[in-house]
Amino acid sequence: MKKAEEEKQELEKGTSETRDKLKETRNQLEQLKKEGAREEKIAEVTAELKKLEDDFEKWKEKEEELAKKERLTPWNVDTLSQDGFQKTMINKYEEKEENLTEEEEMDRQKKFVEKYEKEIKKFGMYKRLDDSQQFLLAHTHLACEFTANYLVIWCIDLEEEGKSSLMAQVAHQTITMQFLLELAKNLKEDPRACIRPFFTKMKKAEEQYQTAFDDELAAFIGRVKERAEVRKERARELAEEQAKKEEEERQARLGPGGLDPVEVMESLPPALQKCFETQDIPLLQETLKTMSLKEAKYHMDRCAKSGLWVPAPSAKEALERDEEDEEDEEEEEVYEDALDK
């Protein structure tokens, strides 16, 4: 690393000196032309200027080669200690081996989310790298697996809700957090110590690293869409199963007249509902007397057809007659039967 640093300093010095000489020579040539100097002198300075321009181009090429070399240099402890990679100063990180059960791990995740959910969501909405970096530096506790886990689940929830654009935004921040954690893991460093170097690397927009990031982001979004679709399909299946079960239960409880006792009960006036809930026949008789004949007949007929009310044999026979021919007589007998109980 020392040799590389010396090479860089020498390159910067050579480029700077050549740039200064180039500027001076251009000014000198311009001044000679204004003063009407001899052609020999102008030709001499012009030749010197051409040589300096060639030298400057060579220095620029060397700078580009060095920059390319640095981009391809893997991240390690040495590169992180350079000036461009200052660490966030925190206590030395020591990886702890914790044998937590799945239940204990879930409990820790739950408590973390309860405490920091608002901050996690705020991080998930940032679009600029500078904003993300500054926010994490101010909230270093978010640089952990719990944040990454929450962001993943949030992405799936958003896609399931049909909010694909917002999901893509949060997905970008999810991969940002995962790349940060992966860097810390490879370096065996506390993730909080890697916030600055990670974003420094990201902001350089190095082709190799950016391509890896974009590929992982695209793959992650694909996985989120697949998972959300599985969820939606499962939800549809559960809804269909529930609807089928409810219909079977409804069919099983239909009364002799084909009406659902639950539906009939819910349609009754509150006063009549109370009568059937308490099974109070005297109260039922008194309640029916407060209604008009037509209303009382209507409700008692529906109660009989749903099985909520079992009429006397004579009224039961009336219920079994042809409804088109005997409807009025049938309702009369059911109503009178209720009053005679």
C-alpha atoms as a PDB file:
ATOM      1  CA  MET A   1       0.000   0.000   0.000  1.00  0.00           C
ATOM      2  CA  LYS A   2       2.911   2.384   0.718  1.00  0.00           C
ATOM      3  CA  LYS A   3       4.308   1.865  -2.783  1.00  0.00           C
ATOM      4  CA  ALA A   4       0.924   2.537  -4.349  1.00  0.00           C
ATOM      5  CA  GLU A   5       0.548   5.726  -2.338  1.00  0.00           C
ATOM      6  CA  GLU A   6       4.010   6.957  -3.403  1.00  0.00           C
ATOM      7  CA  GLU A   7       3.160   6.204  -7.026  1.00  0.00           C
ATOM      8  CA  LYS A   8      -0.039   8.198  -6.732  1.00  0.00           C
ATOM      9  CA  GLN A   9       1.712  11.183  -5.131  1.00  0.00           C
ATOM     10  CA  GLU A  10       4.421  11.198  -7.818  1.00  0.00           C
ATOM     11  CA  LEU A  11       1.779  11.079 -10.524  1.00  0.00           C
ATOM     12  CA  GLU A  12      -0.180  13.951  -9.007  1.00  0.00           C
ATOM     13  CA  LYS A  13       3.012  16.027  -8.686  1.00  0.00           C
ATOM     14  CA  GLY A  14       4.057  15.407 -12.306  1.00  0.00           C
ATOM     15  CA  THR A  15       0.603  16.236 -13.645  1.00  0.00           C
ATOM     16  CA  SER A  16       0.408  19.427 -11.602  1.00  0.00           C
ATOM     17  CA  GLU A  17       3.874  20.676 -12.634  1.00  0.00           C
ATOM     18  CA  THR A  18       3.240  19.968 -16.315  1.00  0.00           C
ATOM     19  CA  ARG A  19      -0.136  21.731 -16.145  1.00  0.00           C
ATOM     20  CA  ASP A  20       1.509  24.834 -14.655  1.00  0.00           C
ATOM     21  CA  LYS A  21       4.283  24.888 -17.303  1.00  0.00           C
ATOM     22  CA  LEU A  22       1.697  24.400 -20.022  1.00  0.00           C
ATOM     23  CA  LYS A  23      -0.268  27.389 -18.779  1.00  0.00           C
ATOM     24  CA  GLU A  24       2.870  29.574 -18.577  1.00  0.00           C
ATOM     25  CA  THR A  25       4.014  28.625 -22.085  1.00  0.00           C
ATOM     26  CA  ARG A  26       0.602  29.373 -23.583  1.00  0.00           C
ATOM     27  CA  ASN A  27       0.605  32.790 -21.962  1.00  0.00           C
ATOM     28  CA  GLN A  28       4.170  33.391 -23.203  1.00  0.00           C
ATOM     29  CA  LEU A  29       3.262  32.451 -26.771  1.00  0.00           C
ATOM     30  CA  GLU A  30       0.205  34.699 -26.716  1.00  0.00           C
ATOM     31  CA  GLN A  31       2.321  37.603 -25.420  1.00  0.00           C
ATOM     32  CA  LEU A  32       5.002  37.101 -28.119  1.00  0.00           C
ATOM     33  CA  LYS A  33       2.370  37.206 -30.842  1.00  0.00           C
ATOM     34  CA  LYS A  34       0.925  40.422 -29.436  1.00  0.00           C
ATOM     35  CA  GLU A  35       4.373  42.041 -29.300  1.00  0.00           C
ATOM     36  CA  GLY A  36       5.204  40.982 -32.873  1.00  0.00           C
ATOM     37  CA  ALA A  37       8.252  38.928 -31.860  1.00  0.00           C
ATOM     38  CA  ARG A  38      10.559  37.282 -34.382  1.00  0.00           C
ATOM     39  CA  GLU A  39       9.170  34.179 -36.113  1.00  0.00           C
ATOM     40  CA  GLU A  40      12.116  32.088 -34.905  1.00  0.00           C
ATOM     41  CA  LYS A  41      11.245  32.856 -31.269  1.00  0.00           C
ATOM     42  CA  ILE A  42       7.548  32.142 -31.829  1.00  0.00           C
ATOM     43  CA  ALA A  43       8.414  28.836 -33.542  1.00  0.00           C
ATOM     44  CA  GLU A  44      10.674  27.878 -30.636  1.00  0.00           C
ATOM     45  CA  VAL A  45       7.982  28.534 -28.011  1.00  0.00           C
ATOM     46  CA  THR A  46       5.364  26.798 -30.178  1.00  0.00           C
ATOM     47  CA  ALA A  47       7.533  23.670 -30.327  1.00  0.00           C
ATOM     48  CA  GLU A  48       8.004  23.786 -26.561  1.00  0.00           C
ATOM     49  CA  LEU A  49       4.225  24.139 -26.109  1.00  0.00           C
ATOM     50  CA  LYS A  50       3.606  21.110 -28.343  1.00  0.00           C
ATOM     51  CA  LYS A  51       6.024  19.026 -26.267  1.00  0.00           C
ATOM     52  CA  LEU A  52       4.339  20.093 -23.012  1.00  0.00           C
ATOM     53  CA  GLU A  53       0.915  19.210 -24.424  1.00  0.00           C
ATOM     54  CA  ASP A  54       2.201  15.741 -25.341  1.00  0.00           C
ATOM     55  CA  ASP A  55       3.713  15.328 -21.875  1.00  0.00           C
ATOM     56  CA  PHE A  56       0.459  16.428 -20.229  1.00  0.00           C
ATOM     57  CA  GLU A  57      -1.518  13.860 -22.242  1.00  0.00           C
ATOM     58  CA  LYS A  58       0.881  11.147 -21.076  1.00  0.00           C
ATOM     59  CA  TRP A  59       0.391  12.178 -17.449  1.00  0.00           C
ATOM     60  CA  LYS A  60      -3.393  12.064 -17.946  1.00  0.00           C
ATOM     61  CA  GLU A  61      -3.141   8.566 -19.408  1.00  0.00           C
ATOM     62  CA  LYS A  62      -1.127   7.450 -16.383  1.00  0.00           C
ATOM     63  CA  GLU A  63      -3.781   8.951 -14.096  1.00  0.00           C
ATOM     64  CA  GLU A  64      -6.506   7.000 -15.890  1.00  0.00           C
ATOM     65  CA  GLU A  65      -4.492   3.781 -15.628  1.00  0.00           C
ATOM     66  CA  LEU A  66      -3.996   4.313 -11.901  1.00  0.00           C
ATOM     67  CA  ALA A  67      -7.688   5.107 -11.398  1.00  0.00           C
ATOM     68  CA  LYS A  68      -8.630   1.920 -13.243  1.00  0.00           C
ATOM     69  CA  LYS A  69      -6.178  -0.051 -11.128  1.00  0.00           C
ATOM     70  CA  GLU A  70      -7.722   1.363  -7.944  1.00  0.00           C
ATOM     71  CA  ARG A  71     -11.237   0.520  -9.131  1.00  0.00           C
ATOM     72  CA  LEU A  72     -10.276  -3.089  -9.656  1.00  0.00           C
ATOM     73  CA  THR A  73      -8.536  -3.356  -6.298  1.00  0.00           C
ATOM     74  CA  PRO A  74     -10.646  -5.524  -3.949  1.00  0.00           C
ATOM     75  CA  TRP A  75     -11.827  -3.987  -0.698  1.00  0.00           C
ATOM     76  CA  ASN A  76      -9.725  -4.975   2.261  1.00  0.00           C
ATOM     77  CA  VAL A  77      -8.481  -3.540   5.512  1.00  0.00           C
ATOM     78  CA  ASP A  78      -5.629  -1.708   3.741  1.00  0.00           C
ATOM     79  CA  THR A  79      -7.819   0.041   1.173  1.00  0.00           C
ATOM     80  CA  LEU A  80     -10.327   0.996   3.823  1.00  0.00           C
ATOM     81  CA  SER A  81      -7.617   2.787   5.794  1.00  0.00           C
ATOM     82  CA  GLN A  82      -6.800   5.204   2.958  1.00  0.00           C
ATOM     83  CA  ASP A  83      -7.805   8.869   3.105  1.00  0.00           C
ATOM     84  CA  GLY A  84     -10.856   8.299   0.938  1.00  0.00           C
ATOM     85  CA  PHE A  85     -12.125   5.609   3.254  1.00  0.00           C
ATOM     86  CA  GLN A  86     -12.210   7.131   6.726  1.00  0.00           C
ATOM     87  CA  LYS A  87     -14.012   4.898   9.198  1.00  0.00           C
ATOM     88  CA  THR A  88     -16.721   5.901  11.586  1.00  0.00           C
ATOM     89  CA  MET A  89     -15.007   5.775  14.965  1.00  0.00           C
ATOM     90  CA  ILE A  90     -16.815   3.372  17.281  1.00  0.00           C
ATOM     91  CA  ASN A  91     -15.816   0.713  19.740  1.00  0.00           C
ATOM     92  CA  LYS A  92     -13.928  -2.237  18.309  1.00  0.00           C
ATOM     93  CA  TYR A  93     -16.273  -4.842  16.915  1.00  0.00           C
ATOM     94  CA  GLU A  94     -16.117  -8.345  18.247  1.00  0.00           C
ATOM     95  CA  GLU A  95     -18.348 -10.886  16.590  1.00  0.00           C
ATOM     96  CA  LYS A  96     -20.387 -12.721  19.182  1.00  0.00           C
ATOM     97  CA  GLU A  97     -21.573 -16.246  18.732  1.00  0.00           C
ATOM     98  CA  GLU A  98     -25.104 -16.406  20.055  1.00  0.00           C
ATOM     99  CA  ASN A  99     -27.010 -19.650  19.959  1.00  0.00           C
ATOM    100  CA  LEU A 100     -30.479 -18.157  19.863  1.00  0.00           C
ATOM    101  CA  THR A 101     -33.562 -20.201  19.132  1.00  0.00           C
ATOM    102  CA  GLU A 102     -35.776 -19.196  16.231  1.00  0.00           C
ATOM    103  CA  GLU A 103     -38.350 -17.904  18.691  1.00  0.00           C
ATOM    104  CA  GLU A 104     -35.762 -15.762  20.504  1.00  0.00           C
ATOM    105  CA  GLU A 105     -34.484 -14.359  17.208  1.00  0.00           C
ATOM    106  CA  MET A 106     -38.026 -13.487  16.113  1.00  0.00           C
ATOM    107  CA  ASP A 107     -38.642 -11.805  19.454  1.00  0.00           C
ATOM    108  CA  ARG A 108     -35.532  -9.634  19.014  1.00  0.00           C
ATOM    109  CA  GLN A 109     -36.615  -8.730  15.473  1.00  0.00           C
ATOM    110  CA  LYS A 110     -40.075  -7.782  16.734  1.00  0.00           C
ATOM    111  CA  LYS A 111     -38.730  -5.554  19.516  1.00  0.00           C
ATOM    112  CA  PHE A 112     -36.289  -3.857  17.126  1.00  0.00           C
ATOM    113  CA  VAL A 113     -39.060  -3.086  14.637  1.00  0.00           C
ATOM    114  CA  GLU A 114     -41.385  -1.810  17.357  1.00  0.00           C
ATOM    115  CA  LYS A 115     -38.676   0.609  18.446  1.00  0.00           C
ATOM    116  CA  TYR A 116     -37.270   1.733  15.081  1.00  0.00           C
ATOM    117  CA  GLU A 117     -39.953   1.062  12.436  1.00  0.00           C
ATOM    118  CA  LYS A 118     -40.460   4.756  11.689  1.00  0.00           C
ATOM    119  CA  GLU A 119     -36.714   5.276  11.127  1.00  0.00           C
ATOM    120  CA  ILE A 120     -36.413   2.147   8.952  1.00  0.00           C
ATOM    121  CA  LYS A 121     -39.249   3.327   6.719  1.00  0.00           C
ATOM    122  CA  LYS A 122     -37.668   6.754   6.422  1.00  0.00           C
ATOM    123  CA  PHE A 123     -34.408   5.166   5.263  1.00  0.00           C
ATOM    124  CA  GLY A 124     -36.362   3.073   2.766  1.00  0.00           C
ATOM    125  CA  MET A 125     -37.706   6.220   1.091  1.00  0.00           C
ATOM    126  CA  TYR A 126     -34.360   7.927   0.402  1.00  0.00           C
ATOM    127  CA  LYS A 127     -33.289   8.090  -3.249  1.00  0.00           C
ATOM    128  CA  ARG A 128     -29.930   9.896  -3.098  1.00  0.00           C
ATOM    129  CA  LEU A 129     -26.798   8.149  -1.838  1.00  0.00           C
ATOM    130  CA  ASP A 130     -25.730  11.227   0.122  1.00  0.00           C
ATOM    131  CA  ASP A 131     -29.054  11.315   1.959  1.00  0.00           C
ATOM    132  CA  SER A 132     -28.861   7.602   2.760  1.00  0.00           C
ATOM    133  CA  GLN A 133     -25.298   7.944   4.031  1.00  0.00           C
ATOM    134  CA  GLN A 134     -26.039  10.922   6.260  1.00  0.00           C
ATOM    135  CA  PHE A 135     -29.142   9.258   7.671  1.00  0.00           C
ATOM    136  CA  LEU A 136     -27.287   6.043   8.528  1.00  0.00           C
ATOM    137  CA  LEU A 137     -24.408   7.980  10.073  1.00  0.00           C
ATOM    138  CA  ALA A 138     -26.980   9.683  12.300  1.00  0.00           C
ATOM    139  CA  HIS A 139     -28.742   6.368  13.024  1.00  0.00           C
ATOM    140  CA  THR A 140     -25.931   3.801  13.007  1.00  0.00           C
ATOM    141  CA  HIS A 141     -28.069   1.279  14.924  1.00  0.00           C
ATOM    142  CA  LEU A 142     -29.994   0.681  11.681  1.00  0.00           C
ATOM    143  CA  ALA A 143     -26.939  -0.923  10.049  1.00  0.00           C
ATOM    144  CA  CYS A 144     -27.980  -4.465  10.940  1.00  0.00           C
ATOM    145  CA  GLU A 145     -29.806  -7.583   9.747  1.00  0.00           C
ATOM    146  CA  PHE A 146     -33.043  -6.550  11.461  1.00  0.00           C
ATOM    147  CA  THR A 147     -33.340  -3.521   9.177  1.00  0.00           C
ATOM    148  CA  ALA A 148     -32.619  -5.608   6.077  1.00  0.00           C
ATOM    149  CA  ASN A 149     -35.205  -8.216   7.121  1.00  0.00           C
ATOM    150  CA  TYR A 150     -37.879  -5.577   7.647  1.00  0.00           C
ATOM    151  CA  LEU A 151     -37.178  -3.958   4.272  1.00  0.00           C
ATOM    152  CA  VAL A 152     -37.506  -7.316   2.488  1.00  0.00           C
ATOM    153  CA  ILE A 153     -40.910  -7.999   4.047  1.00  0.00           C
ATOM    154  CA  TRP A 154     -42.029  -4.435   3.355  1.00  0.00           C
ATOM    155  CA  CYS A 155     -41.149  -4.871  -0.327  1.00  0.00           C
ATOM    156  CA  ILE A 156     -43.308  -7.997  -0.573  1.00  0.00           C
ATOM    157  CA  ASP A 157     -46.189  -6.254   1.207  1.00  0.00           C
ATOM    158  CA  LEU A 158     -46.005  -3.285  -1.183  1.00  0.00           C
ATOM    159  CA  GLU A 159     -45.973  -5.502  -4.272  1.00  0.00           C
ATOM    160  CA  GLU A 160     -48.892  -7.519  -2.925  1.00  0.00           C
ATOM    161  CA  GLU A 161     -50.802  -4.246  -2.497  1.00  0.00           C
ATOM    162  CA  GLY A 162     -50.068  -3.324  -6.121  1.00  0.00           C
ATOM    163  CA  LYS A 163     -47.617  -0.518  -5.237  1.00  0.00           C
ATOM    164  CA  SER A 164     -44.865  -1.656  -7.614  1.00  0.00           C
ATOM    165  CA  SER A 165     -43.178   1.736  -8.055  1.00  0.00           C
ATOM    166  CA  LEU A 166     -42.824   2.248  -4.324  1.00  0.00           C
ATOM    167  CA  MET A 167     -41.654  -1.355  -3.965  1.00  0.00           C
ATOM    168  CA  ALA A 168     -38.849  -0.720  -6.478  1.00  0.00           C
ATOM    169  CA  GLN A 169     -37.695   2.295  -4.446  1.00  0.00           C
ATOM    170  CA  VAL A 170     -37.619   0.341  -1.180  1.00  0.00           C
ATOM    171  CA  ALA A 171     -35.963  -2.575  -2.991  1.00  0.00           C
ATOM    172  CA  HIS A 172     -33.046  -0.288  -3.928  1.00  0.00           C
ATOM    173  CA  GLN A 173     -32.550   0.602  -0.269  1.00  0.00           C
ATOM    174  CA  THR A 174     -32.875  -3.062   0.693  1.00  0.00           C
ATOM    175  CA  ILE A 175     -29.993  -4.051  -1.588  1.00  0.00           C
ATOM    176  CA  THR A 176     -28.019  -1.044  -0.345  1.00  0.00           C
ATOM    177  CA  MET A 177     -28.346  -2.334   3.206  1.00  0.00           C
ATOM    178  CA  GLN A 178     -27.552  -5.912   2.176  1.00  0.00           C
ATOM    179  CA  PHE A 179     -24.403  -4.847   0.302  1.00  0.00           C
ATOM    180  CA  LEU A 180     -23.294  -2.838   3.337  1.00  0.00           C
ATOM    181  CA  LEU A 181     -23.794  -5.854   5.604  1.00  0.00           C
ATOM    182  CA  GLU A 182     -21.995  -8.131   3.149  1.00  0.00           C
ATOM    183  CA  LEU A 183     -19.017  -5.775   3.108  1.00  0.00           C
ATOM    184  CA  ALA A 184     -18.893  -5.785   6.913  1.00  0.00           C
ATOM    185  CA  LYS A 185     -19.101  -9.575   6.946  1.00  0.00           C
ATOM    186  CA  ASN A 186     -16.245  -9.979   4.470  1.00  0.00           C
ATOM    187  CA  LEU A 187     -14.059  -7.553   6.404  1.00  0.00           C
ATOM    188  CA  LYS A 188     -15.146  -8.938   9.776  1.00  0.00           C
ATOM    189  CA  GLU A 189     -15.978  -5.401  10.807  1.00  0.00           C
ATOM    190  CA  ASP A 190     -18.904  -3.854  12.624  1.00  0.00           C
ATOM    191  CA  PRO A 191     -21.395  -2.728   9.915  1.00  0.00           C
ATOM    192  CA  ARG A 192     -21.447   0.724  11.512  1.00  0.00           C
ATOM    193  CA  ALA A 193     -17.736   1.095  10.759  1.00  0.00           C
ATOM    194  CA  CYS A 194     -18.338   0.411   7.068  1.00  0.00           C
ATOM    195  CA  ILE A 195     -20.956   3.090   6.383  1.00  0.00           C
ATOM    196  CA  ARG A 196     -18.529   5.737   5.094  1.00  0.00           C
ATOM    197  CA  PRO A 197     -16.320   3.437   2.979  1.00  0.00           C
ATOM    198  CA  PHE A 198     -19.328   1.683   1.492  1.00  0.00           C
ATOM    199  CA  PHE A 199     -20.978   4.879   0.277  1.00  0.00           C
ATOM    200  CA  THR A 200     -17.636   6.243  -0.932  1.00  0.00           C
ATOM    201  CA  LYS A 201     -17.348   3.176  -3.143  1.00  0.00           C
ATOM    202  CA  MET A 202     -20.951   3.479  -4.322  1.00  0.00           C
ATOM    203  CA  LYS A 203     -20.624   7.169  -5.210  1.00  0.00           C
ATOM    204  CA  LYS A 204     -17.610   6.471  -7.414  1.00  0.00           C
ATOM    205  CA  ALA A 205     -20.025   4.595  -9.676  1.00  0.00           C
ATOM    206  CA  GLU A 206     -17.407   2.022 -10.600  1.00  0.00           C
ATOM    207  CA  GLU A 207     -18.685  -0.048 -13.489  1.00  0.00           C
ATOM    208  CA  GLN A 208     -17.823  -3.450 -12.033  1.00  0.00           C
ATOM    209  CA  TYR A 209     -19.359  -2.768  -8.627  1.00  0.00           C
ATOM    210  CA  GLN A 210     -22.358  -0.875 -10.022  1.00  0.00           C
ATOM    211  CA  THR A 211     -23.110  -3.732 -12.413  1.00  0.00           C
ATOM    212  CA  ALA A 212     -23.078  -6.225  -9.549  1.00  0.00           C
ATOM    213  CA  PHE A 213     -25.396  -3.955  -7.555  1.00  0.00           C
ATOM    214  CA  ASP A 214     -27.833  -3.475 -10.454  1.00  0.00           C
ATOM    215  CA  ASP A 215     -27.896  -7.203 -11.223  1.00  0.00           C
ATOM    216  CA  GLU A 216     -28.670  -8.079  -7.615  1.00  0.00           C
ATOM    217  CA  LEU A 217     -31.353  -5.382  -7.457  1.00  0.00           C
ATOM    218  CA  ALA A 218     -33.056  -6.721 -10.596  1.00  0.00           C
ATOM    219  CA  ALA A 219     -32.897 -10.286  -9.277  1.00  0.00           C
ATOM    220  CA  PHE A 220     -34.278  -9.193  -5.908  1.00  0.00           C
ATOM    221  CA  ILE A 221     -37.214  -7.350  -7.491  1.00  0.00           C
ATOM    222  CA  GLY A 222     -37.954 -10.497  -9.486  1.00  0.00           C
ATOM    223  CA  ARG A 223     -37.978 -12.592  -6.314  1.00  0.00           C
ATOM    224  CA  VAL A 224     -40.229 -10.068  -4.577  1.00  0.00           C
ATOM    225  CA  LYS A 225     -42.747 -10.213  -7.431  1.00  0.00           C
ATOM    226  CA  GLU A 226     -42.738 -14.015  -7.349  1.00  0.00           C
ATOM    227  CA  ARG A 227     -43.218 -14.105  -3.588  1.00  0.00           C
ATOM    228  CA  ALA A 228     -46.020 -11.530  -3.725  1.00  0.00           C
ATOM    229  CA  GLU A 229     -47.778 -13.554  -6.425  1.00  0.00           C
ATOM    230  CA  VAL A 230     -47.521 -16.694  -4.282  1.00  0.00           C
ATOM    231  CA  ARG A 231     -49.059 -14.761  -1.400  1.00  0.00           C
ATOM    232  CA  LYS A 232     -51.909 -13.468  -3.557  1.00  0.00           C
ATOM    233  CA  GLU A 233     -52.583 -16.913  -4.977  1.00  0.00           C
ATOM    234  CA  ARG A 234     -52.658 -18.376  -1.479  1.00  0.00           C
ATOM    235  CA  ALA A 235     -55.016 -15.608  -0.347  1.00  0.00           C
ATOM    236  CA  ARG A 236     -57.337 -16.410  -3.264  1.00  0.00           C
ATOM    237  CA  GLU A 237     -57.281 -20.094  -2.379  1.00  0.00           C
ATOM    238  CA  LEU A 238     -58.060 -19.368   1.275  1.00  0.00           C
ATOM    239  CA  ALA A 239     -60.896 -17.032   0.267  1.00  0.00           C
ATOM    240  CA  GLU A 240     -62.374 -19.698  -2.001  1.00  0.00           C
ATOM    241  CA  GLU A 241     -62.038 -22.345   0.706  1.00  0.00           C
ATOM    242  CA  GLN A 242     -63.672 -20.047   3.248  1.00  0.00           C
ATOM    243  CA  ALA A 243     -66.513 -19.181   0.869  1.00  0.00           C
ATOM    244  CA  LYS A 244     -67.076 -22.869   0.131  1.00  0.00           C
ATOM    245  CA  LYS A 245     -67.064 -23.729   3.825  1.00  0.00           C
ATOM    246  CA  GLU A 246     -69.506 -20.936   4.639  1.00  0.00           C
ATOM    247  CA  GLU A 247     -71.845 -22.044   1.855  1.00  0.00           C
ATOM    248  CA  GLU A 248     -71.741 -25.649   3.080  1.00  0.00           C
ATOM    249  CA  GLU A 249     -72.539 -24.478   6.606  1.00  0.00           C
ATOM    250  CA  ARG A 250     -75.340 -22.315   5.260  1.00  0.00           C
ATOM    251  CA  GLN A 251     -76.835 -25.186   3.285  1.00  0.00           C
ATOM    252  CA  ALA A 252     -76.616 -27.454   6.335  1.00  0.00           C
ATOM    253  CA  ARG A 253     -78.574 -25.068   8.535  1.00  0.00           C
ATOM    254  CA  LEU A 254     -81.341 -24.184   6.039  1.00  0.00           C
ATOM    255  CA  GLY A 255     -84.800 -24.560   7.519  1.00  0.00           C
ATOM    256  CA  PRO A 256     -87.746 -26.561   6.103  1.00  0.00           C
ATOM    257  CA  GLY A 257     -88.724 -23.639   3.902  1.00  0.00           C
ATOM    258  CA  GLY A 258     -85.221 -23.175   2.482  1.00  0.00           C
ATOM    259  CA  LEU A 259     -84.328 -20.054   4.476  1.00  0.00           C
ATOM    260  CA  ASP A 260     -81.144 -19.534   6.503  1.00  0.00           C
ATOM    261  CA  PRO A 261     -81.963 -19.099  10.221  1.00  0.00           C
ATOM    262  CA  VAL A 262     -78.904 -16.868  10.725  1.00  0.00           C
ATOM    263  CA  GLU A 263     -79.954 -14.527   7.930  1.00  0.00           C
ATOM    264  CA  VAL A 264     -83.571 -14.500   9.109  1.00  0.00           C
ATOM    265  CA  MET A 265     -82.522 -13.828  12.703  1.00  0.00           C
ATOM    266  CA  GLU A 266     -80.396 -10.871  11.616  1.00  0.00           C
ATOM    267  CA  SER A 267     -83.308  -9.460   9.578  1.00  0.00           C
ATOM    268  CA  LEU A 268     -85.784  -9.513  12.481  1.00  0.00           C
ATOM    269  CA  PRO A 269     -86.646  -6.350  14.411  1.00  0.00           C
ATOM    270  CA  PRO A 270     -84.620  -6.100  17.666  1.00  0.00           C
ATOM    271  CA  ALA A 271     -87.711  -6.822  19.774  1.00  0.00           C
ATOM    272  CA  LEU A 272     -88.363 -10.118  17.966  1.00  0.00           C
ATOM    273  CA  GLN A 273     -84.666 -11.028  18.079  1.00  0.00           C
ATOM    274  CA  LYS A 274     -84.779 -10.738  21.866  1.00  0.00           C
ATOM    275  CA  CYS A 275     -87.775 -13.091  22.002  1.00  0.00           C
ATOM    276  CA  PHE A 276     -85.965 -15.829  20.097  1.00  0.00           C
ATOM    277  CA  GLU A 277     -82.664 -15.285  21.918  1.00  0.00           C
ATOM    278  CA  THR A 278     -84.376 -15.695  25.310  1.00  0.00           C
ATOM    279  CA  GLN A 279     -86.901 -18.271  23.984  1.00  0.00           C
ATOM    280  CA  ASP A 280     -89.591 -16.336  25.840  1.00  0.00           C
ATOM    281  CA  ILE A 281     -92.964 -17.308  24.288  1.00  0.00           C
ATOM    282  CA  PRO A 282     -95.118 -14.901  26.374  1.00  0.00           C
ATOM    283  CA  LEU A 283     -92.800 -12.062  25.327  1.00  0.00           C
ATOM    284  CA  LEU A 284     -93.096 -13.223  21.702  1.00  0.00           C
ATOM    285  CA  GLN A 285     -96.892 -13.117  21.910  1.00  0.00           C
ATOM    286  CA  GLU A 286     -96.878  -9.633  23.404  1.00  0.00           C
ATOM    287  CA  THR A 287     -94.388  -8.402  20.810  1.00  0.00           C
ATOM    288  CA  LEU A 288     -96.472  -9.740  17.901  1.00  0.00           C
ATOM    289  CA  LYS A 289     -99.546  -7.927  19.240  1.00  0.00           C
ATOM    290  CA  THR A 290     -97.694  -4.612  18.951  1.00  0.00           C
ATOM    291  CA  MET A 291     -97.165  -5.175  15.212  1.00  0.00           C
ATOM    292  CA  SER A 292     -99.530  -4.845  12.322  1.00  0.00           C
ATOM    293  CA  LEU A 293    -101.061  -8.103  11.142  1.00  0.00           C
ATOM    294  CA  LYS A 294     -99.182  -7.975   7.860  1.00  0.00           C
ATOM    295  CA  GLU A 295     -95.788  -7.364   9.517  1.00  0.00           C
ATOM    296  CA  ALA A 296     -96.306 -10.063  12.147  1.00  0.00           C
ATOM    297  CA  LYS A 297     -97.370 -12.613   9.515  1.00  0.00           C
ATOM    298  CA  TYR A 298     -94.333 -11.776   7.367  1.00  0.00           C
ATOM    299  CA  HIS A 299     -91.789 -12.305  10.150  1.00  0.00           C
ATOM    300  CA  MET A 300     -93.383 -15.447  11.609  1.00  0.00           C
ATOM    301  CA  ASP A 301     -93.661 -17.038   8.173  1.00  0.00           C
ATOM    302  CA  ARG A 302     -89.923 -16.490   7.596  1.00  0.00           C
ATOM    303  CA  CYS A 303     -89.129 -17.812  11.076  1.00  0.00           C
ATOM    304  CA  ALA A 304     -91.085 -20.989  10.333  1.00  0.00           C
ATOM    305  CA  LYS A 305     -89.399 -21.502   6.954  1.00  0.00           C
ATOM    306  CA  SER A 306     -85.957 -21.066   8.507  1.00  0.00           C
ATOM    307  CA  GLY A 307     -86.627 -23.383  11.445  1.00  0.00           C
ATOM    308  CA  LEU A 308     -86.450 -20.653  14.083  1.00  0.00           C
ATOM    309  CA  TRP A 309     -90.104 -21.295  14.854  1.00  0.00           C
ATOM    310  CA  VAL A 310     -91.736 -24.735  14.758  1.00  0.00           C
ATOM    311  CA  PRO A 311     -95.488 -24.253  14.267  1.00  0.00           C
ATOM    312  CA  ALA A 312     -98.214 -26.618  15.481  1.00  0.00           C
ATOM    313  CA  PRO A 313     -99.092 -29.546  13.159  1.00  0.00           C
ATOM    314  CA  SER A 314    -102.013 -27.689  11.600  1.00  0.00           C
ATOM    315  CA  ALA A 315     -99.810 -24.729  10.790  1.00  0.00           C
ATOM    316  CA  LYS A 316     -97.041 -27.049   9.585  1.00  0.00           C
ATOM    317  CA  GLU A 317     -99.432 -28.653   7.109  1.00  0.00           C
ATOM    318  CA  ALA A 318    -100.316 -25.208   5.866  1.00  0.00           C
ATOM    319  CA  LEU A 319     -96.668 -24.471   5.203  1.00  0.00           C
ATOM    320  CA  GLU A 320     -96.439 -27.529   2.975  1.00  0.00           C
ATOM    321  CA  ARG A 321     -99.334 -26.518   0.712  1.00  0.00           C
ATOM    322  CA  ASP A 322     -98.921 -24.957  -2.638  1.00  0.00           C
ATOM    323  CA  GLU A 323     -97.692 -21.431  -1.815  1.00  0.00           C
ATOM    324  CA  GLU A 324     -99.240 -19.875  -4.890  1.00  0.00           C
ATOM    325  CA  ASP A 325    -102.752 -21.038  -3.974  1.00  0.00           C
ATOM    326  CA  GLU A 326    -102.678 -21.050  -0.173  1.00  0.00           C
ATOM    327  CA  GLU A 327    -100.147 -18.330   0.791  1.00  0.00           C
ATOM    328  CA  ASP A 328    -102.579 -16.079   2.684  1.00  0.00           C
ATOM    329  CA  GLU A 329    -104.185 -18.978   4.563  1.00  0.00           C
ATOM    330  CA  GLU A 330    -100.773 -20.442   5.441  1.00  0.00           C
ATOM    331  CA  GLU A 331     -99.474 -17.185   6.921  1.00  0.00           C
ATOM    332  CA  GLU A 332    -102.688 -16.766   8.906  1.00  0.00           C
ATOM    333  CA  GLU A 333    -102.351 -20.200  10.519  1.00  0.00           C
ATOM    334  CA  VAL A 334     -98.650 -19.715  11.377  1.00  0.00           C
ATOM    335  CA  TYR A 335     -99.374 -16.345  12.939  1.00  0.00           C
ATOM    336  CA  GLU A 336    -102.373 -17.652  14.927  1.00  0.00           C
ATOM    337  CA  ASP A 337    -100.348 -20.659  16.059  1.00  0.00           C
ATOM    338  CA  ALA A 338     -97.744 -18.325  17.584  1.00  0.00           C
ATOM    339  CA  LEU A 339    -100.435 -16.421  19.458  1.00  0.00           C
ATOM    340  CA  ASP A 340    -102.053 -19.621  20.756  1.00  0.00           C
ATOM    341  CA  LYS A 341     -98.860 -21.072  22.281  1.00  0.00           C
END
